[in-house]
């Protein structure tokens, strides 16, 4: 059985691929694979291992030997699932590989924003500490997390782990109802919880129900000084509206690890705003990248291969 990894570079360096090699007779590894190369590279492969490479119906139809696609991620939106089912190609993904890594990153953003780290770092870099008439700077009031209210959207494994960490800081945690299912959910809606929240953290998928879930109307209801964190998917918040709220002092801090288009080759208003004196943190979709999480992806993919082979 031959397997081909099409975009191994997406896993980064120093990752052990031997668990995959142990599952197949031959493993061919490519760092990157442009669409034009897919028919050639997968011509005699039974298994394609991909992260973000797009495999549409035309590609799948051109690969009669292909029997399995292993996705090195949770999302399968880069695969034409209907075409794969029609052609008898099984698709298997991986889940819960980066829970600890993403939860840690979420708390990092929360702590940085609560302590106004972006603003104080800029003050220090500009020499304001050295000019202070006494020993410290305190121009930007910080937020003590103990006793504050954290509202989380998404009560899955990741949201639950973030709740555990926040509770260790003494925060009170409330989970919002599943967006789009508020009428059948015993939990309060995000709209109902937002005015009480000191911090809102998003851990839900992007869907029709969650696109711009945090929009101008919801932002108008939050208390001044509230923090907003998105380590889920770009587009769940209206970033332009959130930036306006931050500039106007209606939002205390904004931290995002995701943008609607990645990488943002055409730029984005939040990236431009990093030059302003705002309590803003933007990280490059790297909440998941701890070495442990990336190795876990390989191990889970190897398990998918073994189970498929045994079926």
C-alpha atoms as a PDB file:
ATOM      1  CA  UNK A   1       0.000   0.000   0.000  1.00  0.00           C
ATOM      2  CA  UNK A   2       1.339   3.396  -1.024  1.00  0.00           C
ATOM      3  CA  UNK A   3       0.513   6.573   0.849  1.00  0.00           C
ATOM      4  CA  UNK A   4       1.457  10.117  -0.106  1.00  0.00           C
ATOM      5  CA  UNK A   5       1.713  13.113   2.210  1.00  0.00           C
ATOM      6  CA  UNK A   6       0.973  16.132   0.060  1.00  0.00           C
ATOM      7  CA  UNK A   7       1.796  19.024   2.415  1.00  0.00           C
ATOM      8  CA  UNK A   8       4.114  17.755   5.132  1.00  0.00           C
ATOM      9  CA  UNK A   9       5.485  21.259   5.696  1.00  0.00           C
ATOM     10  CA  UNK A  10       2.181  22.140   7.360  1.00  0.00           C
ATOM     11  CA  UNK A  11       3.264  19.978  10.298  1.00  0.00           C
ATOM     12  CA  UNK A  12       6.441  21.973  10.816  1.00  0.00           C
ATOM     13  CA  UNK A  13       9.854  20.568  11.644  1.00  0.00           C
ATOM     14  CA  UNK A  14      11.092  17.908  14.043  1.00  0.00           C
ATOM     15  CA  UNK A  15       8.010  15.721  13.703  1.00  0.00           C
ATOM     16  CA  UNK A  16       8.475  11.939  13.668  1.00  0.00           C
ATOM     17  CA  UNK A  17       6.684  10.383  10.705  1.00  0.00           C
ATOM     18  CA  UNK A  18       7.681   6.823  11.595  1.00  0.00           C
ATOM     19  CA  UNK A  19       4.207   5.952  12.958  1.00  0.00           C
ATOM     20  CA  UNK A  20       2.898   6.551   9.427  1.00  0.00           C
ATOM     21  CA  UNK A  21       5.740   4.669   7.766  1.00  0.00           C
ATOM     22  CA  UNK A  22       4.996   1.676   9.975  1.00  0.00           C
ATOM     23  CA  UNK A  23       1.425   1.518   8.599  1.00  0.00           C
ATOM     24  CA  UNK A  24       2.180   1.413   4.884  1.00  0.00           C
ATOM     25  CA  UNK A  25       4.530  -0.323   2.485  1.00  0.00           C
ATOM     26  CA  UNK A  26       5.645   2.957   0.966  1.00  0.00           C
ATOM     27  CA  UNK A  27       5.314   6.536   2.175  1.00  0.00           C
ATOM     28  CA  UNK A  28       6.083   9.375  -0.211  1.00  0.00           C
ATOM     29  CA  UNK A  29       6.494  12.782   1.401  1.00  0.00           C
ATOM     30  CA  UNK A  30       6.110  16.178  -0.276  1.00  0.00           C
ATOM     31  CA  UNK A  31       6.538  19.450   1.587  1.00  0.00           C
ATOM     32  CA  UNK A  32       4.069  21.270  -0.684  1.00  0.00           C
ATOM     33  CA  UNK A  33       1.844  20.143  -3.556  1.00  0.00           C
ATOM     34  CA  UNK A  34       0.361  22.577  -6.071  1.00  0.00           C
ATOM     35  CA  UNK A  35      -2.913  21.455  -7.611  1.00  0.00           C
ATOM     36  CA  UNK A  36      -1.291  20.726 -10.953  1.00  0.00           C
ATOM     37  CA  UNK A  37       0.959  18.103  -9.343  1.00  0.00           C
ATOM     38  CA  UNK A  38      -1.774  16.115  -7.595  1.00  0.00           C
ATOM     39  CA  UNK A  39      -2.690  13.708 -10.440  1.00  0.00           C
ATOM     40  CA  UNK A  40       0.968  12.797 -10.919  1.00  0.00           C
ATOM     41  CA  UNK A  41       1.835  12.423  -7.247  1.00  0.00           C
ATOM     42  CA  UNK A  42      -1.271  10.398  -6.404  1.00  0.00           C
ATOM     43  CA  UNK A  43      -1.464   8.362  -9.621  1.00  0.00           C
ATOM     44  CA  UNK A  44      -0.782   4.992  -7.969  1.00  0.00           C
ATOM     45  CA  UNK A  45      -1.520   5.862  -4.338  1.00  0.00           C
ATOM     46  CA  UNK A  46      -4.245   4.215  -2.290  1.00  0.00           C
ATOM     47  CA  UNK A  47      -3.936   6.785   0.499  1.00  0.00           C
ATOM     48  CA  UNK A  48      -3.611  10.571   0.352  1.00  0.00           C
ATOM     49  CA  UNK A  49      -2.565  12.352   3.538  1.00  0.00           C
ATOM     50  CA  UNK A  50      -3.373  16.061   3.442  1.00  0.00           C
ATOM     51  CA  UNK A  51      -3.823  19.064   5.662  1.00  0.00           C
ATOM     52  CA  UNK A  52      -4.959  22.034   3.580  1.00  0.00           C
ATOM     53  CA  UNK A  53      -4.505  20.795   0.006  1.00  0.00           C
ATOM     54  CA  UNK A  54      -7.812  21.122  -1.856  1.00  0.00           C
ATOM     55  CA  UNK A  55      -9.098  17.889  -3.379  1.00  0.00           C
ATOM     56  CA  UNK A  56     -12.129  18.658  -5.496  1.00  0.00           C
ATOM     57  CA  UNK A  57     -14.314  16.356  -7.542  1.00  0.00           C
ATOM     58  CA  UNK A  58     -12.175  16.666 -10.679  1.00  0.00           C
ATOM     59  CA  UNK A  59      -9.052  15.601  -8.805  1.00  0.00           C
ATOM     60  CA  UNK A  60     -10.780  12.710  -7.077  1.00  0.00           C
ATOM     61  CA  UNK A  61     -12.304  11.445 -10.308  1.00  0.00           C
ATOM     62  CA  UNK A  62      -8.821  11.345 -11.858  1.00  0.00           C
ATOM     63  CA  UNK A  63      -7.504   8.993  -9.148  1.00  0.00           C
ATOM     64  CA  UNK A  64      -9.028   5.521  -9.596  1.00  0.00           C
ATOM     65  CA  UNK A  65      -6.590   3.886  -7.155  1.00  0.00           C
ATOM     66  CA  UNK A  66      -7.359   6.244  -4.279  1.00  0.00           C
ATOM     67  CA  UNK A  67      -9.261   4.595  -1.429  1.00  0.00           C
ATOM     68  CA  UNK A  68      -8.598   6.757   1.629  1.00  0.00           C
ATOM     69  CA  UNK A  69      -7.921  10.409   2.433  1.00  0.00           C
ATOM     70  CA  UNK A  70      -6.447  11.100   5.847  1.00  0.00           C
ATOM     71  CA  UNK A  71      -6.871  14.741   6.818  1.00  0.00           C
ATOM     72  CA  UNK A  72      -4.212  16.075   9.194  1.00  0.00           C
ATOM     73  CA  UNK A  73      -6.793  18.321  10.869  1.00  0.00           C
ATOM     74  CA  UNK A  74     -10.343  18.353  12.156  1.00  0.00           C
ATOM     75  CA  UNK A  75     -11.893  20.316   9.308  1.00  0.00           C
ATOM     76  CA  UNK A  76     -12.578  18.505   6.024  1.00  0.00           C
ATOM     77  CA  UNK A  77     -13.801  21.531   4.049  1.00  0.00           C
ATOM     78  CA  UNK A  78     -10.871  21.164   1.616  1.00  0.00           C
ATOM     79  CA  UNK A  79     -12.231  17.791   0.478  1.00  0.00           C
ATOM     80  CA  UNK A  80     -15.253  17.396  -1.803  1.00  0.00           C
ATOM     81  CA  UNK A  81     -17.006  15.041   0.602  1.00  0.00           C
ATOM     82  CA  UNK A  82     -19.922  14.307  -1.724  1.00  0.00           C
ATOM     83  CA  UNK A  83     -17.587  13.315  -4.554  1.00  0.00           C
ATOM     84  CA  UNK A  84     -15.501  11.180  -2.204  1.00  0.00           C
ATOM     85  CA  UNK A  85     -18.596   9.304  -1.024  1.00  0.00           C
ATOM     86  CA  UNK A  86     -19.794   8.824  -4.590  1.00  0.00           C
ATOM     87  CA  UNK A  87     -16.428   7.422  -5.600  1.00  0.00           C
ATOM     88  CA  UNK A  88     -16.090   5.152  -2.567  1.00  0.00           C
ATOM     89  CA  UNK A  89     -13.192   7.094  -1.095  1.00  0.00           C
ATOM     90  CA  UNK A  90     -13.241   7.142   2.694  1.00  0.00           C
ATOM     91  CA  UNK A  91     -12.239  10.352   4.480  1.00  0.00           C
ATOM     92  CA  UNK A  92     -10.887  10.280   8.030  1.00  0.00           C
ATOM     93  CA  UNK A  93      -9.866  13.309  10.084  1.00  0.00           C
ATOM     94  CA  UNK A  94      -8.315  13.849  13.527  1.00  0.00           C
ATOM     95  CA  UNK A  95      -9.815  15.595  16.535  1.00  0.00           C
ATOM     96  CA  UNK A  96      -8.761  16.751  20.002  1.00  0.00           C
ATOM     97  CA  UNK A  97      -5.069  16.758  19.112  1.00  0.00           C
ATOM     98  CA  UNK A  98      -4.382  20.323  20.243  1.00  0.00           C
ATOM     99  CA  UNK A  99      -6.660  20.784  23.234  1.00  0.00           C
ATOM    100  CA  UNK A 100      -3.911  21.589  25.729  1.00  0.00           C
ATOM    101  CA  UNK A 101      -2.035  23.778  23.253  1.00  0.00           C
ATOM    102  CA  UNK A 102      -5.041  25.872  22.187  1.00  0.00           C
ATOM    103  CA  UNK A 103      -6.373  26.199  25.727  1.00  0.00           C
ATOM    104  CA  UNK A 104      -2.958  27.436  26.876  1.00  0.00           C
ATOM    105  CA  UNK A 105      -2.885  29.957  24.025  1.00  0.00           C
ATOM    106  CA  UNK A 106      -6.369  31.165  24.909  1.00  0.00           C
ATOM    107  CA  UNK A 107      -5.317  31.797  28.508  1.00  0.00           C
ATOM    108  CA  UNK A 108      -2.174  33.543  27.252  1.00  0.00           C
ATOM    109  CA  UNK A 109      -4.338  35.968  25.261  1.00  0.00           C
ATOM    110  CA  UNK A 110      -6.687  36.435  28.205  1.00  0.00           C
ATOM    111  CA  UNK A 111      -3.843  37.203  30.602  1.00  0.00           C
ATOM    112  CA  UNK A 112      -2.058  39.501  28.147  1.00  0.00           C
ATOM    113  CA  UNK A 113      -5.217  41.520  27.541  1.00  0.00           C
ATOM    114  CA  UNK A 114      -6.230  41.570  31.209  1.00  0.00           C
ATOM    115  CA  UNK A 115      -2.835  43.013  32.141  1.00  0.00           C
ATOM    116  CA  UNK A 116      -2.824  45.409  29.156  1.00  0.00           C
ATOM    117  CA  UNK A 117       0.428  43.857  28.007  1.00  0.00           C
ATOM    118  CA  UNK A 118       0.342  45.278  24.445  1.00  0.00           C
ATOM    119  CA  UNK A 119      -0.009  48.836  25.760  1.00  0.00           C
ATOM    120  CA  UNK A 120       2.602  48.522  28.501  1.00  0.00           C
ATOM    121  CA  UNK A 121       5.084  46.855  26.144  1.00  0.00           C
ATOM    122  CA  UNK A 122       4.682  49.773  23.747  1.00  0.00           C
ATOM    123  CA  UNK A 123       5.191  52.250  26.629  1.00  0.00           C
ATOM    124  CA  UNK A 124       8.408  50.490  27.688  1.00  0.00           C
ATOM    125  CA  UNK A 125       9.681  50.347  24.100  1.00  0.00           C
ATOM    126  CA  UNK A 126       9.042  54.089  23.731  1.00  0.00           C
ATOM    127  CA  UNK A 127      11.058  54.845  26.869  1.00  0.00           C
ATOM    128  CA  UNK A 128       8.143  55.974  29.015  1.00  0.00           C
ATOM    129  CA  UNK A 129       9.201  53.830  31.988  1.00  0.00           C
ATOM    130  CA  UNK A 130      12.547  55.574  32.116  1.00  0.00           C
ATOM    131  CA  UNK A 131      10.757  58.933  32.110  1.00  0.00           C
ATOM    132  CA  UNK A 132       8.345  58.001  34.912  1.00  0.00           C
ATOM    133  CA  UNK A 133       8.461  60.226  38.038  1.00  0.00           C
ATOM    134  CA  UNK A 134       8.236  57.086  40.212  1.00  0.00           C
ATOM    135  CA  UNK A 135       9.025  53.374  40.046  1.00  0.00           C
ATOM    136  CA  UNK A 136       6.212  52.043  37.847  1.00  0.00           C
ATOM    137  CA  UNK A 137       3.723  52.818  35.113  1.00  0.00           C
ATOM    138  CA  UNK A 138      -0.001  52.514  35.771  1.00  0.00           C
ATOM    139  CA  UNK A 139      -1.647  54.455  32.970  1.00  0.00           C
ATOM    140  CA  UNK A 140      -3.676  51.470  31.769  1.00  0.00           C
ATOM    141  CA  UNK A 141      -5.857  49.935  34.498  1.00  0.00           C
ATOM    142  CA  UNK A 142      -5.589  46.143  34.499  1.00  0.00           C
ATOM    143  CA  UNK A 143      -8.285  43.531  35.013  1.00  0.00           C
ATOM    144  CA  UNK A 144      -7.932  41.053  37.883  1.00  0.00           C
ATOM    145  CA  UNK A 145      -9.423  37.794  36.614  1.00  0.00           C
ATOM    146  CA  UNK A 146     -10.381  36.401  40.000  1.00  0.00           C
ATOM    147  CA  UNK A 147     -14.084  36.847  40.558  1.00  0.00           C
ATOM    148  CA  UNK A 148     -14.750  37.915  36.976  1.00  0.00           C
ATOM    149  CA  UNK A 149     -17.279  36.367  34.611  1.00  0.00           C
ATOM    150  CA  UNK A 150     -16.076  34.346  31.625  1.00  0.00           C
ATOM    151  CA  UNK A 151     -18.627  33.468  28.937  1.00  0.00           C
ATOM    152  CA  UNK A 152     -17.601  30.649  26.603  1.00  0.00           C
ATOM    153  CA  UNK A 153     -19.268  29.756  23.307  1.00  0.00           C
ATOM    154  CA  UNK A 154     -18.623  26.065  22.671  1.00  0.00           C
ATOM    155  CA  UNK A 155     -18.792  23.478  25.453  1.00  0.00           C
ATOM    156  CA  UNK A 156     -16.789  20.817  23.686  1.00  0.00           C
ATOM    157  CA  UNK A 157     -13.451  19.452  24.801  1.00  0.00           C
ATOM    158  CA  UNK A 158     -11.597  22.690  24.098  1.00  0.00           C
ATOM    159  CA  UNK A 159     -14.120  25.043  25.655  1.00  0.00           C
ATOM    160  CA  UNK A 160     -14.308  22.798  28.716  1.00  0.00           C
ATOM    161  CA  UNK A 161     -10.519  22.808  29.095  1.00  0.00           C
ATOM    162  CA  UNK A 162     -10.441  26.610  28.893  1.00  0.00           C
ATOM    163  CA  UNK A 163     -13.141  26.680  31.580  1.00  0.00           C
ATOM    164  CA  UNK A 164     -10.993  24.486  33.853  1.00  0.00           C
ATOM    165  CA  UNK A 165      -7.996  26.803  33.467  1.00  0.00           C
ATOM    166  CA  UNK A 166     -10.079  29.924  34.001  1.00  0.00           C
ATOM    167  CA  UNK A 167     -11.616  28.474  37.145  1.00  0.00           C
ATOM    168  CA  UNK A 168      -8.097  27.927  38.479  1.00  0.00           C
ATOM    169  CA  UNK A 169      -7.745  31.719  38.319  1.00  0.00           C
ATOM    170  CA  UNK A 170     -10.942  32.073  40.314  1.00  0.00           C
ATOM    171  CA  UNK A 171     -13.175  33.067  37.417  1.00  0.00           C
ATOM    172  CA  UNK A 172     -16.871  32.242  37.228  1.00  0.00           C
ATOM    173  CA  UNK A 173     -17.594  30.423  33.960  1.00  0.00           C
ATOM    174  CA  UNK A 174     -20.860  30.263  32.033  1.00  0.00           C
ATOM    175  CA  UNK A 175     -21.393  28.452  28.738  1.00  0.00           C
ATOM    176  CA  UNK A 176     -23.668  30.025  26.150  1.00  0.00           C
ATOM    177  CA  UNK A 177     -26.303  28.102  24.235  1.00  0.00           C
ATOM    178  CA  UNK A 178     -25.293  26.571  20.949  1.00  0.00           C
ATOM    179  CA  UNK A 179     -25.708  29.276  18.295  1.00  0.00           C
ATOM    180  CA  UNK A 180     -28.695  28.570  16.077  1.00  0.00           C
ATOM    181  CA  UNK A 181     -30.223  26.198  18.637  1.00  0.00           C
ATOM    182  CA  UNK A 182     -31.062  28.667  21.404  1.00  0.00           C
ATOM    183  CA  UNK A 183     -34.757  27.732  21.428  1.00  0.00           C
ATOM    184  CA  UNK A 184     -33.956  24.125  22.321  1.00  0.00           C
ATOM    185  CA  UNK A 185     -31.028  24.781  24.637  1.00  0.00           C
ATOM    186  CA  UNK A 186     -31.358  25.175  28.397  1.00  0.00           C
ATOM    187  CA  UNK A 187     -28.288  27.418  28.512  1.00  0.00           C
ATOM    188  CA  UNK A 188     -28.687  31.195  28.075  1.00  0.00           C
ATOM    189  CA  UNK A 189     -27.935  32.696  24.672  1.00  0.00           C
ATOM    190  CA  UNK A 190     -24.773  34.659  24.062  1.00  0.00           C
ATOM    191  CA  UNK A 191     -26.914  37.765  23.583  1.00  0.00           C
ATOM    192  CA  UNK A 192     -28.364  37.282  27.068  1.00  0.00           C
ATOM    193  CA  UNK A 193     -24.968  36.650  28.662  1.00  0.00           C
ATOM    194  CA  UNK A 194     -22.899  39.308  26.875  1.00  0.00           C
ATOM    195  CA  UNK A 195     -23.884  42.264  29.112  1.00  0.00           C
ATOM    196  CA  UNK A 196     -22.644  40.335  32.181  1.00  0.00           C
ATOM    197  CA  UNK A 197     -19.386  39.109  30.671  1.00  0.00           C
ATOM    198  CA  UNK A 198     -15.960  40.383  31.631  1.00  0.00           C
ATOM    199  CA  UNK A 199     -14.415  38.031  29.066  1.00  0.00           C
ATOM    200  CA  UNK A 200     -15.975  36.297  26.045  1.00  0.00           C
ATOM    201  CA  UNK A 201     -14.041  33.405  24.512  1.00  0.00           C
ATOM    202  CA  UNK A 202     -15.090  31.628  21.314  1.00  0.00           C
ATOM    203  CA  UNK A 203     -14.539  27.895  20.767  1.00  0.00           C
ATOM    204  CA  UNK A 204     -17.187  26.980  18.208  1.00  0.00           C
ATOM    205  CA  UNK A 205     -17.037  26.066  14.510  1.00  0.00           C
ATOM    206  CA  UNK A 206     -17.701  28.570  11.760  1.00  0.00           C
ATOM    207  CA  UNK A 207     -21.143  27.991  10.267  1.00  0.00           C
ATOM    208  CA  UNK A 208     -24.103  29.960   8.982  1.00  0.00           C
ATOM    209  CA  UNK A 209     -25.266  30.229  12.599  1.00  0.00           C
ATOM    210  CA  UNK A 210     -21.934  31.506  13.923  1.00  0.00           C
ATOM    211  CA  UNK A 211     -20.751  33.791  11.124  1.00  0.00           C
ATOM    212  CA  UNK A 212     -20.520  37.277  12.682  1.00  0.00           C
ATOM    213  CA  UNK A 213     -21.976  35.843  15.871  1.00  0.00           C
ATOM    214  CA  UNK A 214     -20.241  38.743  17.614  1.00  0.00           C
ATOM    215  CA  UNK A 215     -21.413  41.686  15.557  1.00  0.00           C
ATOM    216  CA  UNK A 216     -21.914  45.405  16.122  1.00  0.00           C
ATOM    217  CA  UNK A 217     -25.243  44.840  17.872  1.00  0.00           C
ATOM    218  CA  UNK A 218     -23.814  42.369  20.376  1.00  0.00           C
ATOM    219  CA  UNK A 219     -20.724  44.510  20.938  1.00  0.00           C
ATOM    220  CA  UNK A 220     -22.995  47.426  21.788  1.00  0.00           C
ATOM    221  CA  UNK A 221     -24.372  45.371  24.683  1.00  0.00           C
ATOM    222  CA  UNK A 222     -21.087  44.399  26.370  1.00  0.00           C
ATOM    223  CA  UNK A 223     -19.815  46.252  29.397  1.00  0.00           C
ATOM    224  CA  UNK A 224     -16.947  48.726  28.786  1.00  0.00           C
ATOM    225  CA  UNK A 225     -13.679  46.986  29.478  1.00  0.00           C
ATOM    226  CA  UNK A 226     -14.816  43.493  28.470  1.00  0.00           C
ATOM    227  CA  UNK A 227     -12.283  41.299  26.682  1.00  0.00           C
ATOM    228  CA  UNK A 228     -13.035  39.362  23.488  1.00  0.00           C
ATOM    229  CA  UNK A 229     -10.971  36.339  22.416  1.00  0.00           C
ATOM    230  CA  UNK A 230     -11.286  34.280  19.248  1.00  0.00           C
ATOM    231  CA  UNK A 231      -9.208  31.114  18.938  1.00  0.00           C
ATOM    232  CA  UNK A 232     -11.893  29.390  16.855  1.00  0.00           C
ATOM    233  CA  UNK A 233     -12.313  30.560  13.261  1.00  0.00           C
ATOM    234  CA  UNK A 234     -12.047  33.917  11.541  1.00  0.00           C
ATOM    235  CA  UNK A 235     -15.408  35.400  10.706  1.00  0.00           C
ATOM    236  CA  UNK A 236     -17.153  34.315  13.906  1.00  0.00           C
ATOM    237  CA  UNK A 237     -16.643  37.891  15.001  1.00  0.00           C
ATOM    238  CA  UNK A 238     -17.124  40.919  12.804  1.00  0.00           C
ATOM    239  CA  UNK A 239     -13.522  42.059  13.117  1.00  0.00           C
ATOM    240  CA  UNK A 240     -14.210  45.528  11.727  1.00  0.00           C
ATOM    241  CA  UNK A 241     -16.989  46.125  14.270  1.00  0.00           C
ATOM    242  CA  UNK A 242     -14.800  44.752  17.076  1.00  0.00           C
ATOM    243  CA  UNK A 243     -11.952  47.035  16.065  1.00  0.00           C
ATOM    244  CA  UNK A 244     -14.291  50.025  16.086  1.00  0.00           C
ATOM    245  CA  UNK A 245     -15.479  49.091  19.582  1.00  0.00           C
ATOM    246  CA  UNK A 246     -11.887  48.768  20.750  1.00  0.00           C
ATOM    247  CA  UNK A 247     -10.883  52.151  19.315  1.00  0.00           C
ATOM    248  CA  UNK A 248     -13.907  53.813  20.888  1.00  0.00           C
ATOM    249  CA  UNK A 249     -13.249  52.310  24.317  1.00  0.00           C
ATOM    250  CA  UNK A 250     -16.384  50.161  24.262  1.00  0.00           C
ATOM    251  CA  UNK A 251     -14.248  47.017  24.329  1.00  0.00           C
ATOM    252  CA  UNK A 252     -11.371  46.593  26.763  1.00  0.00           C
ATOM    253  CA  UNK A 253      -9.250  44.214  24.726  1.00  0.00           C
ATOM    254  CA  UNK A 254      -9.303  42.041  21.620  1.00  0.00           C
ATOM    255  CA  UNK A 255      -7.224  38.918  21.032  1.00  0.00           C
ATOM    256  CA  UNK A 256      -7.514  36.790  17.885  1.00  0.00           C
ATOM    257  CA  UNK A 257      -5.573  33.830  16.579  1.00  0.00           C
ATOM    258  CA  UNK A 258      -7.597  33.577  13.376  1.00  0.00           C
ATOM    259  CA  UNK A 259      -8.691  35.768  10.468  1.00  0.00           C
ATOM    260  CA  UNK A 260     -11.297  35.128   7.743  1.00  0.00           C
ATOM    261  CA  UNK A 261      -8.621  34.657   5.049  1.00  0.00           C
ATOM    262  CA  UNK A 262      -5.371  32.896   5.967  1.00  0.00           C
ATOM    263  CA  UNK A 263      -2.685  33.720   5.282  1.00  0.00           C
ATOM    264  CA  UNK A 264      -3.862  37.359   5.001  1.00  0.00           C
ATOM    265  CA  UNK A 265      -1.905  38.158   1.841  1.00  0.00           C
ATOM    266  CA  UNK A 266      -4.119  41.155   1.088  1.00  0.00           C
ATOM    267  CA  UNK A 267      -3.804  42.465   4.654  1.00  0.00           C
ATOM    268  CA  UNK A 268      -6.541  43.005   7.216  1.00  0.00           C
ATOM    269  CA  UNK A 269      -7.735  45.970   9.324  1.00  0.00           C
ATOM    270  CA  UNK A 270      -6.626  44.249  12.541  1.00  0.00           C
ATOM    271  CA  UNK A 271      -3.082  43.922  11.211  1.00  0.00           C
ATOM    272  CA  UNK A 272      -3.020  47.596  10.308  1.00  0.00           C
ATOM    273  CA  UNK A 273      -4.272  48.467  13.796  1.00  0.00           C
ATOM    274  CA  UNK A 274      -1.299  46.786  15.476  1.00  0.00           C
ATOM    275  CA  UNK A 275       0.559  50.057  14.952  1.00  0.00           C
ATOM    276  CA  UNK A 276      -1.983  51.872  17.101  1.00  0.00           C
ATOM    277  CA  UNK A 277      -1.910  52.131  20.887  1.00  0.00           C
ATOM    278  CA  UNK A 278      -4.613  49.547  21.456  1.00  0.00           C
ATOM    279  CA  UNK A 279      -5.057  46.576  23.759  1.00  0.00           C
ATOM    280  CA  UNK A 280      -4.901  44.272  20.761  1.00  0.00           C
ATOM    281  CA  UNK A 281      -3.123  40.956  20.170  1.00  0.00           C
ATOM    282  CA  UNK A 282      -3.130  39.127  16.825  1.00  0.00           C
ATOM    283  CA  UNK A 283      -1.354  35.776  16.584  1.00  0.00           C
ATOM    284  CA  UNK A 284      -0.842  33.885  13.289  1.00  0.00           C
ATOM    285  CA  UNK A 285      -3.190  30.904  13.756  1.00  0.00           C
ATOM    286  CA  UNK A 286      -0.550  29.185  15.846  1.00  0.00           C
ATOM    287  CA  UNK A 287      -2.467  28.306  19.006  1.00  0.00           C
ATOM    288  CA  UNK A 288      -2.272  24.646  17.961  1.00  0.00           C
ATOM    289  CA  UNK A 289       1.419  24.389  17.100  1.00  0.00           C
ATOM    290  CA  UNK A 290       3.048  22.930  20.215  1.00  0.00           C
ATOM    291  CA  UNK A 291       5.354  20.029  19.250  1.00  0.00           C
ATOM    292  CA  UNK A 292       3.186  17.707  21.326  1.00  0.00           C
ATOM    293  CA  UNK A 293       0.045  18.668  19.421  1.00  0.00           C
ATOM    294  CA  UNK A 294       1.695  18.301  16.022  1.00  0.00           C
ATOM    295  CA  UNK A 295       3.081  14.876  16.912  1.00  0.00           C
ATOM    296  CA  UNK A 296      -0.350  13.887  18.184  1.00  0.00           C
ATOM    297  CA  UNK A 297      -1.733  14.605  14.701  1.00  0.00           C
ATOM    298  CA  UNK A 298       0.694  12.067  13.234  1.00  0.00           C
ATOM    299  CA  UNK A 299      -0.119   9.482  15.891  1.00  0.00           C
ATOM    300  CA  UNK A 300      -3.880   9.867  15.403  1.00  0.00           C
ATOM    301  CA  UNK A 301      -3.493   9.695  11.623  1.00  0.00           C
ATOM    302  CA  UNK A 302      -1.499   6.476  11.992  1.00  0.00           C
ATOM    303  CA  UNK A 303      -4.336   5.089  14.101  1.00  0.00           C
ATOM    304  CA  UNK A 304      -6.795   6.052  11.353  1.00  0.00           C
ATOM    305  CA  UNK A 305      -4.649   4.170   8.853  1.00  0.00           C
ATOM    306  CA  UNK A 306      -4.489   1.061  11.036  1.00  0.00           C
ATOM    307  CA  UNK A 307      -8.230   1.001  11.641  1.00  0.00           C
ATOM    308  CA  UNK A 308      -8.983   1.502   7.950  1.00  0.00           C
ATOM    309  CA  UNK A 309      -6.594  -1.292   7.000  1.00  0.00           C
ATOM    310  CA  UNK A 310      -8.198  -3.648   9.523  1.00  0.00           C
ATOM    311  CA  UNK A 311     -11.778  -2.840   8.483  1.00  0.00           C
END
